[in-house]
Protein backbone atom coordinates (compact mmCIF):
# COMPACT_ATOMS: atom_id res chain seq x y z
CA UNK A 1 16.08 -5.60 29.44
CA UNK A 2 12.49 -4.35 29.42
CA UNK A 3 9.70 -6.87 28.89
CA UNK A 4 6.08 -7.05 27.74
CA UNK A 5 3.86 -6.79 30.82
CA UNK A 6 0.40 -6.80 29.24
CA UNK A 7 -1.37 -6.71 25.88
CA UNK A 8 -4.67 -4.89 25.44
CA UNK A 9 -6.90 -4.70 22.35
CA UNK A 10 -9.56 -2.16 21.39
CA UNK A 11 -11.85 -1.89 18.34
CA UNK A 12 -11.45 0.96 15.87
CA UNK A 13 -12.50 2.39 12.54
CA UNK A 14 -10.35 2.72 9.44
CA UNK A 15 -10.04 5.64 7.04
CA UNK A 16 -12.28 4.04 4.39
CA UNK A 17 -14.57 1.04 3.83
CA UNK A 18 -14.69 -2.66 3.12
CA UNK A 19 -16.09 -3.29 -0.37
CA UNK A 20 -17.42 -6.58 -1.71
CA UNK A 21 -15.48 -6.72 -4.97
CA UNK A 22 -17.44 -9.67 -6.36
CA UNK A 23 -20.77 -7.90 -5.90
CA UNK A 24 -19.43 -4.66 -7.38
CA UNK A 25 -18.24 -6.52 -10.48
CA UNK A 26 -21.68 -8.08 -10.89
CA UNK A 27 -25.00 -6.37 -10.18
CA UNK A 28 -24.32 -3.87 -7.39
CA UNK A 29 -25.44 -0.35 -8.31
CA UNK A 30 -23.86 2.84 -6.93
CA UNK A 31 -26.20 4.77 -4.65
CA UNK A 32 -24.48 7.88 -3.31
CA UNK A 33 -21.52 6.61 -1.31
CA UNK A 34 -22.94 3.11 -0.93
CA UNK A 35 -24.14 0.33 -3.25
CA UNK A 36 -27.49 -1.34 -3.74
CA UNK A 37 -27.36 -5.09 -4.23
CA UNK A 38 -26.70 -8.35 -2.45
CA UNK A 39 -23.37 -9.11 -0.80
CA UNK A 40 -21.57 -12.08 -2.37
CA UNK A 41 -18.25 -12.45 -0.55
CA UNK A 42 -18.45 -14.50 2.68
CA UNK A 43 -18.56 -12.35 5.80
CA UNK A 44 -20.06 -9.27 4.14
CA UNK A 45 -23.53 -8.16 5.22
CA UNK A 46 -23.67 -5.35 2.63
CA UNK A 47 -21.73 -4.48 -0.51
CA UNK A 48 -20.01 -1.57 1.24
CA UNK A 49 -19.58 -1.50 4.99
CA UNK A 50 -17.55 0.42 7.53
CA UNK A 51 -13.87 -0.45 7.66
CA UNK A 52 -12.79 -1.87 11.02
CA UNK A 53 -9.46 -2.02 12.80
CA UNK A 54 -8.05 -3.23 16.10
CA UNK A 55 -5.52 -1.31 18.14
CA UNK A 56 -3.01 -3.64 19.80
CA UNK A 57 -1.50 -1.96 22.85
CA UNK A 58 1.60 -3.28 24.58
CA UNK A 59 2.22 -2.21 28.17
CA UNK A 60 5.92 -2.39 29.01
CA UNK A 61 7.03 -3.43 32.49
CA UNK A 62 8.29 0.13 33.09
CA UNK A 63 4.85 1.62 32.42
CA UNK A 64 5.41 2.82 28.84
CA UNK A 65 2.72 2.12 26.23
CA UNK A 66 3.31 1.05 22.63
CA UNK A 67 0.70 0.33 19.99
CA UNK A 68 -0.05 -0.57 16.39
CA UNK A 69 -3.22 -1.00 14.35
CA UNK A 70 -4.51 -4.15 12.65
CA UNK A 71 -6.15 -3.34 9.33
CA UNK A 72 -7.02 -5.09 6.07
CA UNK A 73 -7.39 -3.90 2.50
CA UNK A 74 -10.57 -2.45 1.04
CA UNK A 75 -11.30 -5.56 -1.07
CA UNK A 76 -10.92 -8.10 1.73
CA UNK A 77 -11.75 -11.70 0.89
CA UNK A 78 -11.03 -11.15 -2.84
CA UNK A 79 -8.21 -12.48 -5.00
CA UNK A 80 -7.04 -15.07 -2.51
CA UNK A 81 -6.81 -12.60 0.38
CA UNK A 82 -7.75 -13.44 3.95
CA UNK A 83 -11.45 -13.06 4.87
CA UNK A 84 -13.23 -9.94 6.05
CA UNK A 85 -11.53 -8.51 9.15
CA UNK A 86 -14.10 -7.69 11.84
CA UNK A 87 -12.99 -6.54 15.29
CA UNK A 88 -15.48 -8.70 17.17
CA UNK A 89 -14.07 -11.84 15.54
CA UNK A 90 -10.40 -11.15 16.23
CA UNK A 91 -10.16 -9.28 19.54
CA UNK A 92 -10.77 -12.61 21.35
CA UNK A 93 -7.88 -14.15 19.39
CA UNK A 94 -5.56 -11.39 20.60
CA UNK A 95 -6.73 -11.68 24.21
CA UNK A 96 -6.86 -15.47 24.45
CA UNK A 97 -4.00 -16.60 22.19
CA UNK A 98 -1.60 -13.78 21.31
CA UNK A 99 -1.39 -12.09 24.71
CA UNK A 100 -0.33 -15.26 26.56
CA UNK A 101 2.27 -16.02 23.88
CA UNK A 102 3.89 -12.57 24.09
CA UNK A 103 3.48 -11.54 27.73
CA UNK A 104 6.85 -11.73 29.47
CA UNK A 105 8.85 -11.59 26.23
CA UNK A 106 12.04 -9.54 26.33
CA UNK A 107 11.98 -6.49 24.06
CA UNK A 108 15.46 -7.19 22.74
CA UNK A 109 14.73 -7.62 19.03
CA UNK A 110 11.89 -6.45 16.80
CA UNK A 111 12.96 -8.86 14.08
CA UNK A 112 12.85 -11.89 16.37
CA UNK A 113 9.46 -11.00 17.83
CA UNK A 114 7.98 -10.14 14.42
CA UNK A 115 9.08 -13.47 13.00
CA UNK A 116 7.52 -15.24 15.98
CA UNK A 117 4.15 -13.62 15.15
CA UNK A 118 4.54 -14.32 11.44
CA UNK A 119 5.08 -18.02 12.20
CA UNK A 120 2.37 -18.22 14.89
CA UNK A 121 -0.18 -20.96 14.20
CA UNK A 122 -3.74 -21.34 15.39
CA UNK A 123 -5.78 -24.36 14.35
CA UNK A 124 -2.92 -25.29 12.04
CA UNK A 125 -2.98 -22.01 10.12
CA UNK A 126 -1.15 -18.71 10.32
CA UNK A 127 -2.75 -15.61 11.79
CA UNK A 128 -4.91 -13.35 9.64
CA UNK A 129 -2.69 -10.91 7.73
CA UNK A 130 -4.35 -7.95 9.50
CA UNK A 131 -3.42 -9.38 12.91
CA UNK A 132 0.19 -9.90 11.89
CA UNK A 133 0.26 -6.40 10.43
CA UNK A 134 -0.92 -4.63 13.59
CA UNK A 135 0.84 -6.79 16.17
CA UNK A 136 4.22 -6.34 14.47
CA UNK A 137 3.64 -2.57 14.36
CA UNK A 138 3.08 -2.64 18.11
CA UNK A 139 6.19 -4.76 18.63
CA UNK A 140 8.33 -2.31 16.66
CA UNK A 141 6.97 0.54 18.75
CA UNK A 142 7.60 -1.41 21.96
CA UNK A 143 11.21 -2.23 21.07
CA UNK A 144 11.82 1.42 20.14
CA UNK A 145 10.43 2.56 23.48
CA UNK A 146 12.48 -0.05 25.34
CA UNK A 147 15.64 1.27 23.66
CA UNK A 148 14.69 4.93 23.84
CA UNK A 149 15.14 5.49 20.09
CA UNK A 150 12.93 6.01 17.05
CA UNK A 151 11.25 3.15 15.24
CA UNK A 152 13.29 4.10 12.18
CA UNK A 153 16.53 3.61 14.10
CA UNK A 154 15.40 0.18 15.29
CA UNK A 155 14.79 -0.95 11.69
CA UNK A 156 18.10 0.47 10.50
CA UNK A 157 20.03 -1.23 13.32
CA UNK A 158 18.39 -4.65 12.98
CA UNK A 159 18.60 -4.77 9.16
CA UNK A 160 22.08 -3.19 8.96
CA UNK A 161 20.94 -0.14 7.00
CA UNK A 162 22.63 3.24 6.72
CA UNK A 163 20.28 6.03 7.73
CA UNK A 164 19.86 8.88 5.26
CA UNK A 165 17.62 11.58 6.77
CA UNK A 166 16.09 12.65 3.46
CA UNK A 167 12.41 12.65 2.41
CA UNK A 168 10.80 9.76 0.52
CA UNK A 169 8.56 10.75 -2.44
CA UNK A 170 4.88 10.61 -1.42
CA UNK A 171 2.20 9.26 -3.77
CA UNK A 172 -1.24 10.79 -3.20
CA UNK A 173 -4.39 9.26 -4.71
CA UNK A 174 -7.58 10.95 -5.86
CA UNK A 175 -10.04 8.08 -5.71
CA UNK A 176 -13.08 8.57 -7.94
CA UNK A 177 -13.06 12.34 -7.41
CA UNK A 178 -10.15 12.58 -9.81
CA UNK A 179 -10.55 16.25 -10.72
CA UNK A 180 -11.24 18.06 -7.43
CA UNK A 181 -8.84 15.82 -5.53
CA UNK A 182 -6.17 16.31 -8.17
CA UNK A 183 -6.39 20.03 -7.41
CA UNK A 184 -5.76 19.27 -3.72
CA UNK A 185 -2.69 17.21 -4.57
CA UNK A 186 -1.31 19.81 -6.97
CA UNK A 187 -1.77 22.66 -4.48
CA UNK A 188 0.15 20.65 -1.84
CA UNK A 189 2.82 19.54 -4.32
CA UNK A 190 2.78 15.79 -3.63
CA UNK A 191 5.61 14.04 -5.45
CA UNK A 192 3.48 11.46 -7.29
CA UNK A 193 -0.16 11.58 -8.42
CA UNK A 194 -3.05 10.81 -9.09
CA UNK A 195 -3.68 7.01 -9.04
CA UNK A 196 -7.04 7.87 -10.62
CA UNK A 197 -8.95 4.63 -9.91
CA UNK A 198 -9.34 3.76 -13.61
CA UNK A 199 -11.29 0.55 -12.98
CA UNK A 200 -13.88 0.52 -15.77
CA UNK A 201 -13.32 0.46 -19.53
CA UNK A 202 -16.50 2.20 -20.64
CA UNK A 203 -16.73 4.96 -18.05
CA UNK A 204 -13.11 5.67 -17.13
CA UNK A 205 -10.60 4.31 -19.66
CA UNK A 206 -12.71 4.56 -22.80
CA UNK A 207 -13.27 1.76 -25.29
CA UNK A 208 -10.19 2.92 -27.23
CA UNK A 209 -8.53 4.40 -24.18
CA UNK A 210 -9.59 7.91 -25.15
CA UNK A 211 -11.03 8.91 -21.76
CA UNK A 212 -7.73 8.28 -19.94
CA UNK A 213 -5.80 10.20 -22.60
CA UNK A 214 -8.09 13.18 -22.13
CA UNK A 215 -7.76 12.96 -18.35
CA UNK A 216 -3.95 12.94 -18.58
CA UNK A 217 -4.06 15.98 -20.87
CA UNK A 218 -6.33 17.74 -18.39
CA UNK A 219 -4.03 16.82 -15.50
CA UNK A 220 -1.02 18.22 -17.33
CA UNK A 221 -2.86 21.49 -18.08
CA UNK A 222 -4.05 21.76 -14.49
CA UNK A 223 -0.53 21.37 -13.11
CA UNK A 224 0.66 24.17 -15.37
CA UNK A 225 -2.28 26.36 -14.30
CA UNK A 226 -2.06 26.00 -10.51
CA UNK A 227 1.07 24.00 -9.70
CA UNK A 228 3.81 26.55 -10.35
CA UNK A 229 6.73 26.43 -12.75
CA UNK A 230 8.95 24.18 -10.61
CA UNK A 231 6.40 21.42 -9.89
CA UNK A 232 7.14 18.26 -11.89
CA UNK A 233 5.43 15.29 -10.23
CA UNK A 234 5.46 11.74 -11.53
CA UNK A 235 2.18 10.55 -13.07
CA UNK A 236 1.25 7.14 -11.63
CA UNK A 237 -2.11 5.74 -12.76
CA UNK A 238 -3.70 2.47 -11.65
CA UNK A 239 -5.80 1.01 -14.46
CA UNK A 240 -6.90 -2.26 -12.80
CA UNK A 241 -6.28 -4.36 -15.89
CA UNK A 242 -8.57 -2.27 -18.09
CA UNK A 243 -5.96 -1.65 -20.80
CA UNK A 244 -5.69 -5.41 -21.31
CA UNK A 245 -9.48 -5.62 -21.46
CA UNK A 246 -9.81 -2.77 -23.97
CA UNK A 247 -7.13 -4.16 -26.30
CA UNK A 248 -7.88 -7.88 -25.80
CA UNK A 249 -4.47 -8.51 -24.26
CA UNK A 250 -2.71 -7.73 -27.55
CA UNK A 251 0.82 -6.69 -26.58
CA UNK A 252 1.41 -4.64 -29.75
CA UNK A 253 -1.80 -2.65 -29.34
CA UNK A 254 -1.20 -2.18 -25.62
CA UNK A 255 2.32 -0.93 -26.24
CA UNK A 256 1.06 1.47 -28.91
CA UNK A 257 -1.53 2.81 -26.52
CA UNK A 258 1.06 3.28 -23.75
CA UNK A 259 3.13 5.27 -26.26
CA UNK A 260 0.09 7.50 -26.80
CA UNK A 261 -0.26 7.94 -23.03
CA UNK A 262 3.42 8.83 -22.78
CA UNK A 263 3.00 11.49 -25.42
CA UNK A 264 -0.07 12.88 -23.64
CA UNK A 265 1.80 13.05 -20.32
CA UNK A 266 5.05 14.54 -21.66
CA UNK A 267 7.16 16.09 -20.17
CA UNK A 268 5.98 14.28 -17.03
CA UNK A 269 7.22 10.78 -16.24
CA UNK A 270 4.44 8.17 -16.49
CA UNK A 271 3.87 4.91 -14.62
CA UNK A 272 0.96 2.57 -15.32
CA UNK A 273 -0.04 0.14 -12.57
CA UNK A 274 -1.78 -3.12 -13.41
CA UNK A 275 -2.03 -2.73 -17.22
CA UNK A 276 -3.71 -6.14 -17.48
CA UNK A 277 -5.12 -8.86 -15.23
CA UNK A 278 -4.13 -12.23 -16.66
CA UNK A 279 -6.07 -14.29 -14.12
CA UNK A 280 -3.18 -16.01 -12.33
CA UNK A 281 0.26 -15.17 -11.01
CA UNK A 282 2.10 -17.20 -13.62
CA UNK A 283 0.14 -15.70 -16.50
CA UNK A 284 0.43 -12.21 -15.05
CA UNK A 285 4.22 -12.51 -14.84
CA UNK A 286 4.39 -13.80 -18.41
CA UNK A 287 2.19 -11.05 -19.86
CA UNK A 288 3.78 -8.24 -17.84
CA UNK A 289 7.21 -9.40 -18.98
CA UNK A 290 6.14 -9.52 -22.63
CA UNK A 291 4.72 -6.00 -22.43
CA UNK A 292 7.77 -4.65 -20.61
CA UNK A 293 10.12 -6.11 -23.21
CA UNK A 294 8.02 -4.64 -26.02
CA UNK A 295 8.13 -1.21 -24.40
CA UNK A 296 11.89 -1.43 -24.04
CA UNK A 297 12.51 -2.50 -27.64
CA UNK A 298 10.18 0.24 -28.86
CA UNK A 299 11.89 2.94 -26.84
CA UNK A 300 8.68 3.66 -24.92
CA UNK A 301 9.53 5.15 -21.53
CA UNK A 302 6.34 4.27 -19.65
CA UNK A 303 7.10 2.21 -16.54
CA UNK A 304 4.74 -0.62 -15.65
CA UNK A 305 3.92 -1.42 -12.05
CA UNK A 306 2.94 -4.85 -10.69
CA UNK A 307 -0.08 -5.04 -8.39
CA UNK A 308 -2.55 -7.81 -9.31
CA UNK A 309 -1.32 -11.28 -8.31
CA UNK A 310 1.63 -9.75 -6.47
CA UNK A 311 0.45 -9.78 -2.87
CA UNK A 312 2.88 -11.68 -0.63
CA UNK A 313 6.63 -11.47 -0.07
CA UNK A 314 7.02 -14.66 -2.12
CA UNK A 315 4.95 -13.16 -4.96
CA UNK A 316 7.07 -10.02 -4.94
CA UNK A 317 10.28 -12.03 -5.19
CA UNK A 318 8.84 -14.02 -8.10
CA UNK A 319 7.89 -10.87 -10.04
CA UNK A 320 11.27 -9.29 -9.35
CA UNK A 321 13.22 -12.41 -10.33
CA UNK A 322 11.29 -12.63 -13.61
CA UNK A 323 11.95 -9.00 -14.49
CA UNK A 324 8.21 -8.59 -15.02
CA UNK A 325 7.86 -4.99 -13.82
CA UNK A 326 9.72 -1.71 -13.52
CA UNK A 327 8.19 -1.19 -10.08
CA UNK A 328 6.39 -3.38 -7.54
CA UNK A 329 3.51 -2.23 -5.38
CA UNK A 330 4.22 -3.58 -1.90
CA UNK A 331 0.70 -3.59 -0.46
CA UNK A 332 1.62 -3.52 3.20
CA UNK A 333 -1.45 -5.14 4.88
CA UNK A 334 -1.38 -8.06 2.42
CA UNK A 335 2.15 -8.96 3.48
CA UNK A 336 1.15 -9.49 7.11
CA UNK A 337 3.99 -8.59 9.44
CA UNK A 338 5.74 -5.31 8.65
CA UNK A 339 8.99 -7.29 8.73
CA UNK A 340 7.85 -8.68 5.36
CA UNK A 341 7.35 -5.15 4.00
CA UNK A 342 10.90 -4.33 5.07
CA UNK A 343 12.22 -7.46 3.36
CA UNK A 344 10.21 -6.74 0.20
CA UNK A 345 11.53 -3.19 -0.18
CA UNK A 346 15.10 -4.35 0.36
CA UNK A 347 14.70 -7.21 -2.15
CA UNK A 348 13.40 -4.85 -4.84
CA UNK A 349 16.25 -2.43 -4.26
CA UNK A 350 18.86 -5.17 -4.24
CA UNK A 351 17.67 -6.33 -7.66
CA UNK A 352 17.28 -2.90 -9.26
CA UNK A 353 13.46 -2.87 -9.34
CA UNK A 354 11.45 0.13 -8.19
CA UNK A 355 9.90 -0.28 -4.75
CA UNK A 356 6.53 1.36 -4.15
CA UNK A 357 5.61 0.90 -0.49
CA UNK A 358 1.87 1.13 -0.83
CA UNK A 359 -1.03 -0.11 1.22
CA UNK A 360 -4.72 0.69 1.21
CA UNK A 361 -7.11 3.56 1.79
CA UNK A 362 -8.67 1.27 4.42
CA UNK A 363 -5.91 1.69 7.02
CA UNK A 364 -5.49 3.98 10.04
CA UNK A 365 -3.38 6.94 11.03
CA UNK A 366 -1.23 4.66 13.18
CA UNK A 367 -0.44 2.10 10.50
CA UNK A 368 0.39 4.98 8.12
CA UNK A 369 2.79 6.51 10.64
CA UNK A 370 4.64 3.27 11.30
CA UNK A 371 4.83 2.47 7.58
CA UNK A 372 6.40 5.90 7.12
CA UNK A 373 8.93 5.18 9.87
CA UNK A 374 10.11 1.94 8.26
CA UNK A 375 10.25 3.59 4.83
CA UNK A 376 12.70 6.22 6.09
CA UNK A 377 15.02 3.34 7.03
CA UNK A 378 14.54 1.17 3.91
CA UNK A 379 14.12 4.04 1.39
CA UNK A 380 11.61 2.79 -1.21
CA UNK A 381 11.16 4.88 -4.35
CA UNK A 382 7.79 6.16 -3.15
CA UNK A 383 5.27 5.63 -0.38
CA UNK A 384 1.50 5.94 -0.37
CA UNK A 385 -0.30 8.77 1.42
CA UNK A 386 -2.88 6.92 3.49
CA UNK A 387 -5.50 6.27 4.78
CA UNK A 388 -8.69 7.50 3.14
CA UNK A 389 -9.59 8.97 -0.23
CA UNK A 390 -9.85 12.62 0.77
CA UNK A 391 -6.20 13.50 -0.04
CA UNK A 392 -5.69 16.07 2.71
CA UNK A 393 -5.86 13.71 5.68
CA UNK A 394 -3.63 10.91 4.38
CA UNK A 395 -1.08 13.30 2.91
CA UNK A 396 -0.96 15.24 6.19
CA UNK A 397 -0.43 12.09 8.29
CA UNK A 398 2.40 10.69 6.16
CA UNK A 399 4.12 14.01 5.43
CA UNK A 400 4.02 15.17 9.06
CA UNK A 401 5.30 11.86 10.42
CA UNK A 402 8.12 11.90 7.89
CA UNK A 403 9.14 15.44 8.79
CA UNK A 404 9.08 14.67 12.53
CA UNK A 405 11.32 11.65 12.17
CA UNK A 406 13.69 13.39 9.77
CA UNK A 407 14.05 16.31 12.18
CA UNK A 408 14.80 13.91 15.06
CA UNK A 409 17.40 12.02 13.03
CA UNK A 410 19.07 15.22 11.90
CA UNK A 411 19.15 16.48 15.49
CA UNK A 412 20.92 13.24 16.46
CA UNK A 413 23.57 13.89 13.87
CA UNK A 414 22.69 11.33 11.19
């Protein structure tokens, strides 16, 4: 059995930026691609700063090289998340603590090694989620290389899954450039669009929700104009709690507004992510459940997607068990080890809840590839095109990786 001979770490950049959410919500002012104002979240030196990653490379004792990338979400340090992830702070942890713990380990089981990293303690606490995320990616790659098979096959074998070499729907996001980037998505026929980044009532949703309705009508017209007759994507829009803000959390008014959105989007299927932000997990579950039940009794077909206050594997199970959402966003870096992403997707599917294997624009090409590999084994309802906000790059990375793996699996006779 092949073993880990050496672990090497190198600094890297991500496909987007770290943003100080607290400062942006307060007095920070947009200035081109950056913000003017004082940083507020510990660790930040400016409101927007370059996203950083760490590549964790595993040298096998037969000379092969495996690797994964540590990365954290755009709004690091916010909402109970781990602090800002800077390469200079965490490369020493990998070299001085992780490398000695893993060097010499047999590459016999991804699941065993991933759980070891997920349980690893330093100074009485678990590792930063970004470290667990990247190290477990590297371990999956190392086990696959040791066995001479794809990473997808490793996941399927260790979690007793039947491989189906069929594509997973890809969700591509526009960011703030929601018109030009929508054109890019439509031309390339992504399965789900546009996300839209509807994070402000006055400028993006509208005080009565009118701006979002107009945007959805525009999106529908644009698809008909340039998308072709056979292109019927799902509309999935993240509103960052702004619907709850605009309608003061009133379930009846929110449901009525979602009915208006459904009518505007018809005949396209509509999902709304994060309709409200209730301020805590317990309150979010309660309010999401109340809204979902009202939509069902009213015959309103809009699906609601959980995001806020649903960050960890435990959170995801709690939302699923409560029936609080039609779909869960599984934000991969927030779950730490990719073994937790696997478990989260399988839990959603087992309980009949939609699984959206998401992530963040602030990842890397490598983390996107490995997330795609595990999705082909676990088969969530959709996966995020990542990293970045430019559409073309993230969609290319995820689509191409998916097609490579599918071709390999089909050639092997799956």
